């Protein structure tokens, strides 16, 4: 949730962790059951084109939603130590995401070579765009909050 006065993002309540675990455990089986129901009732007529278009989404959405609820929910006791560890985890996570996405074409090419296929550039445009937005927002948010904090400190000194 976003606090209107300071534009500070608040973590979800601890209870949301439970929902995150349930979505991780039951998300894929429920999605599979819904797809089976749609397929058996004839709502999905061309299975091949449906799964070509929707396969990644159907798999990743429950996993990402479940993990997001786990990551963005408070701990039972949310103190400064937990906040510091959470901050370090986020920073290192973004760092390793940047490295992994930048190296994805290299790994994709190595796999293609090992499989005896032609080397092609993988479609990473969407991922790189999302990464850019994350880094851009993080930088602007940091600079804005740093400026506000320094200005408030200067005002307090006077």
C-alpha atoms as a PDB file:
ATOM      1  CA  UNK A   1       0.000   0.000   0.000  1.00  0.00           C
ATOM      2  CA  UNK A   2       1.200   3.521  -0.738  1.00  0.00           C
ATOM      3  CA  UNK A   3       1.184   6.170   1.968  1.00  0.00           C
ATOM      4  CA  UNK A   4      -0.234   9.309   0.301  1.00  0.00           C
ATOM      5  CA  UNK A   5       1.739  11.899   2.284  1.00  0.00           C
ATOM      6  CA  UNK A   6       5.265  10.538   1.886  1.00  0.00           C
ATOM      7  CA  UNK A   7       4.906   8.263  -1.167  1.00  0.00           C
ATOM      8  CA  UNK A   8       6.368   5.453   0.891  1.00  0.00           C
ATOM      9  CA  UNK A   9       5.403   1.901   0.012  1.00  0.00           C
ATOM     10  CA  UNK A  10       4.251  -0.129   3.002  1.00  0.00           C
ATOM     11  CA  UNK A  11       4.583  -3.893   3.279  1.00  0.00           C
ATOM     12  CA  UNK A  12       1.511  -6.081   3.323  1.00  0.00           C
ATOM     13  CA  UNK A  13       0.339  -7.453   6.675  1.00  0.00           C
ATOM     14  CA  UNK A  14       1.911 -10.695   7.901  1.00  0.00           C
ATOM     15  CA  UNK A  15      -1.305 -12.643   7.152  1.00  0.00           C
ATOM     16  CA  UNK A  16      -0.629 -12.314   3.403  1.00  0.00           C
ATOM     17  CA  UNK A  17       2.291 -14.748   3.721  1.00  0.00           C
ATOM     18  CA  UNK A  18      -0.268 -17.509   4.228  1.00  0.00           C
ATOM     19  CA  UNK A  19      -1.999 -16.573   0.948  1.00  0.00           C
ATOM     20  CA  UNK A  20       1.360 -16.539  -0.824  1.00  0.00           C
ATOM     21  CA  UNK A  21       2.143 -20.080   0.291  1.00  0.00           C
ATOM     22  CA  UNK A  22      -1.324 -21.315  -0.732  1.00  0.00           C
ATOM     23  CA  UNK A  23      -1.041 -19.720  -4.161  1.00  0.00           C
ATOM     24  CA  UNK A  24       2.409 -21.274  -4.638  1.00  0.00           C
ATOM     25  CA  UNK A  25       1.165 -24.727  -3.628  1.00  0.00           C
ATOM     26  CA  UNK A  26      -2.269 -24.719  -5.287  1.00  0.00           C
ATOM     27  CA  UNK A  27      -1.857 -22.168  -8.098  1.00  0.00           C
ATOM     28  CA  UNK A  28      -0.601 -24.478 -10.836  1.00  0.00           C
ATOM     29  CA  UNK A  29      -3.023 -27.350 -10.086  1.00  0.00           C
ATOM     30  CA  UNK A  30      -5.969 -24.917 -10.071  1.00  0.00           C
ATOM     31  CA  UNK A  31      -4.830 -23.332 -13.351  1.00  0.00           C
ATOM     32  CA  UNK A  32      -4.419 -26.819 -14.845  1.00  0.00           C
ATOM     33  CA  UNK A  33      -7.929 -27.778 -13.702  1.00  0.00           C
ATOM     34  CA  UNK A  34      -9.426 -24.606 -15.223  1.00  0.00           C
ATOM     35  CA  UNK A  35      -7.624 -25.182 -18.531  1.00  0.00           C
ATOM     36  CA  UNK A  36      -8.793 -28.824 -18.530  1.00  0.00           C
ATOM     37  CA  UNK A  37     -12.362 -27.658 -17.871  1.00  0.00           C
ATOM     38  CA  UNK A  38     -12.188 -25.109 -20.711  1.00  0.00           C
ATOM     39  CA  UNK A  39     -10.683 -27.710 -23.042  1.00  0.00           C
ATOM     40  CA  UNK A  40     -13.235 -30.401 -22.202  1.00  0.00           C
ATOM     41  CA  UNK A  41     -16.184 -28.012 -22.669  1.00  0.00           C
ATOM     42  CA  UNK A  42     -14.890 -26.850 -26.055  1.00  0.00           C
ATOM     43  CA  UNK A  43     -14.046 -23.297 -24.999  1.00  0.00           C
ATOM     44  CA  UNK A  44     -10.467 -23.981 -26.116  1.00  0.00           C
ATOM     45  CA  UNK A  45     -10.776 -25.288 -29.661  1.00  0.00           C
ATOM     46  CA  UNK A  46      -7.178 -25.143 -30.883  1.00  0.00           C
ATOM     47  CA  UNK A  47      -5.002 -26.521 -28.069  1.00  0.00           C
ATOM     48  CA  UNK A  48      -1.710 -25.998 -29.870  1.00  0.00           C
ATOM     49  CA  UNK A  49      -2.187 -22.281 -30.528  1.00  0.00           C
ATOM     50  CA  UNK A  50      -3.711 -21.756 -27.068  1.00  0.00           C
ATOM     51  CA  UNK A  51      -0.712 -23.279 -25.296  1.00  0.00           C
ATOM     52  CA  UNK A  52       1.762 -21.556 -27.609  1.00  0.00           C
ATOM     53  CA  UNK A  53       0.265 -18.213 -26.577  1.00  0.00           C
ATOM     54  CA  UNK A  54      -0.640 -18.833 -22.928  1.00  0.00           C
ATOM     55  CA  UNK A  55       1.786 -21.463 -21.634  1.00  0.00           C
ATOM     56  CA  UNK A  56       4.295 -19.135 -19.953  1.00  0.00           C
ATOM     57  CA  UNK A  57       1.562 -16.924 -18.512  1.00  0.00           C
ATOM     58  CA  UNK A  58      -0.362 -19.849 -17.054  1.00  0.00           C
ATOM     59  CA  UNK A  59       2.755 -21.205 -15.382  1.00  0.00           C
ATOM     60  CA  UNK A  60       4.369 -17.992 -14.190  1.00  0.00           C
ATOM     61  CA  UNK A  61       1.396 -15.983 -12.903  1.00  0.00           C
ATOM     62  CA  UNK A  62       0.580 -18.157  -9.878  1.00  0.00           C
ATOM     63  CA  UNK A  63       4.285 -18.507  -9.070  1.00  0.00           C
ATOM     64  CA  UNK A  64       4.961 -14.768  -9.336  1.00  0.00           C
ATOM     65  CA  UNK A  65       1.824 -13.779  -7.414  1.00  0.00           C
ATOM     66  CA  UNK A  66       2.620 -16.277  -4.632  1.00  0.00           C
ATOM     67  CA  UNK A  67       6.244 -15.149  -4.398  1.00  0.00           C
ATOM     68  CA  UNK A  68       5.246 -11.453  -4.462  1.00  0.00           C
ATOM     69  CA  UNK A  69       2.901 -12.019  -1.512  1.00  0.00           C
ATOM     70  CA  UNK A  70       5.693 -13.774   0.390  1.00  0.00           C
ATOM     71  CA  UNK A  71       8.302 -11.135  -0.411  1.00  0.00           C
ATOM     72  CA  UNK A  72       6.136  -8.070   0.236  1.00  0.00           C
ATOM     73  CA  UNK A  73       4.520  -9.282   3.475  1.00  0.00           C
ATOM     74  CA  UNK A  74       5.804  -8.266   6.878  1.00  0.00           C
ATOM     75  CA  UNK A  75       7.426 -10.732   9.236  1.00  0.00           C
ATOM     76  CA  UNK A  76       5.751 -11.462  12.573  1.00  0.00           C
ATOM     77  CA  UNK A  77       8.261  -9.136  14.200  1.00  0.00           C
ATOM     78  CA  UNK A  78       9.303  -6.441  11.731  1.00  0.00           C
ATOM     79  CA  UNK A  79      12.164  -4.552  13.398  1.00  0.00           C
ATOM     80  CA  UNK A  80      15.208  -2.653  12.102  1.00  0.00           C
ATOM     81  CA  UNK A  81      17.295  -5.819  11.762  1.00  0.00           C
ATOM     82  CA  UNK A  82      14.620  -7.457   9.578  1.00  0.00           C
ATOM     83  CA  UNK A  83      14.274  -4.279   7.515  1.00  0.00           C
ATOM     84  CA  UNK A  84      18.041  -4.133   7.003  1.00  0.00           C
ATOM     85  CA  UNK A  85      18.133  -7.788   5.907  1.00  0.00           C
ATOM     86  CA  UNK A  86      15.158  -7.192   3.592  1.00  0.00           C
ATOM     87  CA  UNK A  87      16.947  -4.160   2.071  1.00  0.00           C
ATOM     88  CA  UNK A  88      20.129  -6.185   1.486  1.00  0.00           C
ATOM     89  CA  UNK A  89      18.111  -8.997  -0.100  1.00  0.00           C
ATOM     90  CA  UNK A  90      16.362  -6.558  -2.453  1.00  0.00           C
ATOM     91  CA  UNK A  91      19.584  -4.851  -3.485  1.00  0.00           C
ATOM     92  CA  UNK A  92      21.405  -8.114  -4.124  1.00  0.00           C
ATOM     93  CA  UNK A  93      18.332  -9.514  -5.908  1.00  0.00           C
ATOM     94  CA  UNK A  94      18.182  -6.586  -8.312  1.00  0.00           C
ATOM     95  CA  UNK A  95      21.951  -6.800  -8.849  1.00  0.00           C
ATOM     96  CA  UNK A  96      21.785 -10.501  -9.754  1.00  0.00           C
ATOM     97  CA  UNK A  97      18.721  -9.878 -11.949  1.00  0.00           C
ATOM     98  CA  UNK A  98      20.671  -7.290 -13.938  1.00  0.00           C
ATOM     99  CA  UNK A  99      23.607  -9.671 -14.392  1.00  0.00           C
ATOM    100  CA  UNK A 100      21.360 -12.633 -15.300  1.00  0.00           C
ATOM    101  CA  UNK A 101      19.358 -10.687 -17.891  1.00  0.00           C
ATOM    102  CA  UNK A 102      22.462  -9.217 -19.464  1.00  0.00           C
ATOM    103  CA  UNK A 103      24.053 -12.674 -19.698  1.00  0.00           C
ATOM    104  CA  UNK A 104      20.884 -14.412 -20.928  1.00  0.00           C
ATOM    105  CA  UNK A 105      21.851 -14.134 -24.617  1.00  0.00           C
ATOM    106  CA  UNK A 106      25.251 -15.704 -23.837  1.00  0.00           C
ATOM    107  CA  UNK A 107      23.681 -18.645 -21.981  1.00  0.00           C
ATOM    108  CA  UNK A 108      21.043 -19.061 -24.694  1.00  0.00           C
ATOM    109  CA  UNK A 109      23.749 -19.177 -27.361  1.00  0.00           C
ATOM    110  CA  UNK A 110      25.761 -21.769 -25.408  1.00  0.00           C
ATOM    111  CA  UNK A 111      22.690 -23.995 -25.051  1.00  0.00           C
ATOM    112  CA  UNK A 112      21.931 -23.648 -28.771  1.00  0.00           C
ATOM    113  CA  UNK A 113      25.500 -24.623 -29.635  1.00  0.00           C
ATOM    114  CA  UNK A 114      25.413 -27.653 -27.327  1.00  0.00           C
ATOM    115  CA  UNK A 115      22.126 -28.754 -28.900  1.00  0.00           C
ATOM    116  CA  UNK A 116      23.574 -28.270 -32.397  1.00  0.00           C
ATOM    117  CA  UNK A 117      21.116 -25.514 -33.292  1.00  0.00           C
ATOM    118  CA  UNK A 118      21.687 -22.150 -34.921  1.00  0.00           C
ATOM    119  CA  UNK A 119      22.607 -19.327 -32.593  1.00  0.00           C
ATOM    120  CA  UNK A 120      19.766 -16.829 -32.402  1.00  0.00           C
ATOM    121  CA  UNK A 121      19.261 -13.826 -30.186  1.00  0.00           C
ATOM    122  CA  UNK A 122      16.600 -14.666 -27.588  1.00  0.00           C
ATOM    123  CA  UNK A 123      13.624 -12.345 -27.229  1.00  0.00           C
ATOM    124  CA  UNK A 124      14.623 -10.409 -24.118  1.00  0.00           C
ATOM    125  CA  UNK A 125      13.085  -7.058 -25.083  1.00  0.00           C
ATOM    126  CA  UNK A 126      10.222  -7.223 -22.601  1.00  0.00           C
ATOM    127  CA  UNK A 127      12.465  -8.394 -19.798  1.00  0.00           C
ATOM    128  CA  UNK A 128      15.024  -5.686 -20.495  1.00  0.00           C
ATOM    129  CA  UNK A 129      12.265  -3.073 -20.658  1.00  0.00           C
ATOM    130  CA  UNK A 130      10.924  -4.187 -17.288  1.00  0.00           C
ATOM    131  CA  UNK A 131      14.445  -4.176 -15.864  1.00  0.00           C
ATOM    132  CA  UNK A 132      15.010  -0.649 -17.182  1.00  0.00           C
ATOM    133  CA  UNK A 133      11.768   0.535 -15.558  1.00  0.00           C
ATOM    134  CA  UNK A 134      12.787  -1.056 -12.244  1.00  0.00           C
ATOM    135  CA  UNK A 135      16.232   0.546 -12.304  1.00  0.00           C
ATOM    136  CA  UNK A 136      14.881   3.915 -13.501  1.00  0.00           C
ATOM    137  CA  UNK A 137      12.245   4.037 -10.766  1.00  0.00           C
ATOM    138  CA  UNK A 138      14.757   2.909  -8.113  1.00  0.00           C
ATOM    139  CA  UNK A 139      17.229   5.606  -9.104  1.00  0.00           C
ATOM    140  CA  UNK A 140      14.656   8.403  -9.262  1.00  0.00           C
ATOM    141  CA  UNK A 141      13.026   7.339  -5.992  1.00  0.00           C
ATOM    142  CA  UNK A 142      16.399   7.200  -4.237  1.00  0.00           C
ATOM    143  CA  UNK A 143      17.491  10.606  -5.556  1.00  0.00           C
ATOM    144  CA  UNK A 144      14.130  12.210  -4.703  1.00  0.00           C
ATOM    145  CA  UNK A 145      14.093  10.844  -1.155  1.00  0.00           C
ATOM    146  CA  UNK A 146      17.770  11.735  -0.652  1.00  0.00           C
ATOM    147  CA  UNK A 147      17.056  15.311  -1.788  1.00  0.00           C
ATOM    148  CA  UNK A 148      14.021  15.599   0.519  1.00  0.00           C
ATOM    149  CA  UNK A 149      15.931  14.197   3.485  1.00  0.00           C
ATOM    150  CA  UNK A 150      18.906  16.510   2.948  1.00  0.00           C
ATOM    151  CA  UNK A 151      16.596  19.503   2.593  1.00  0.00           C
ATOM    152  CA  UNK A 152      14.774  18.576   5.801  1.00  0.00           C
ATOM    153  CA  UNK A 153      18.106  18.228   7.639  1.00  0.00           C
ATOM    154  CA  UNK A 154      19.266  21.613   6.354  1.00  0.00           C
ATOM    155  CA  UNK A 155      15.985  23.185   7.509  1.00  0.00           C
ATOM    156  CA  UNK A 156      16.404  21.623  10.965  1.00  0.00           C
ATOM    157  CA  UNK A 157      19.950  22.999  11.271  1.00  0.00           C
ATOM    158  CA  UNK A 158      18.805  26.583  10.659  1.00  0.00           C
END
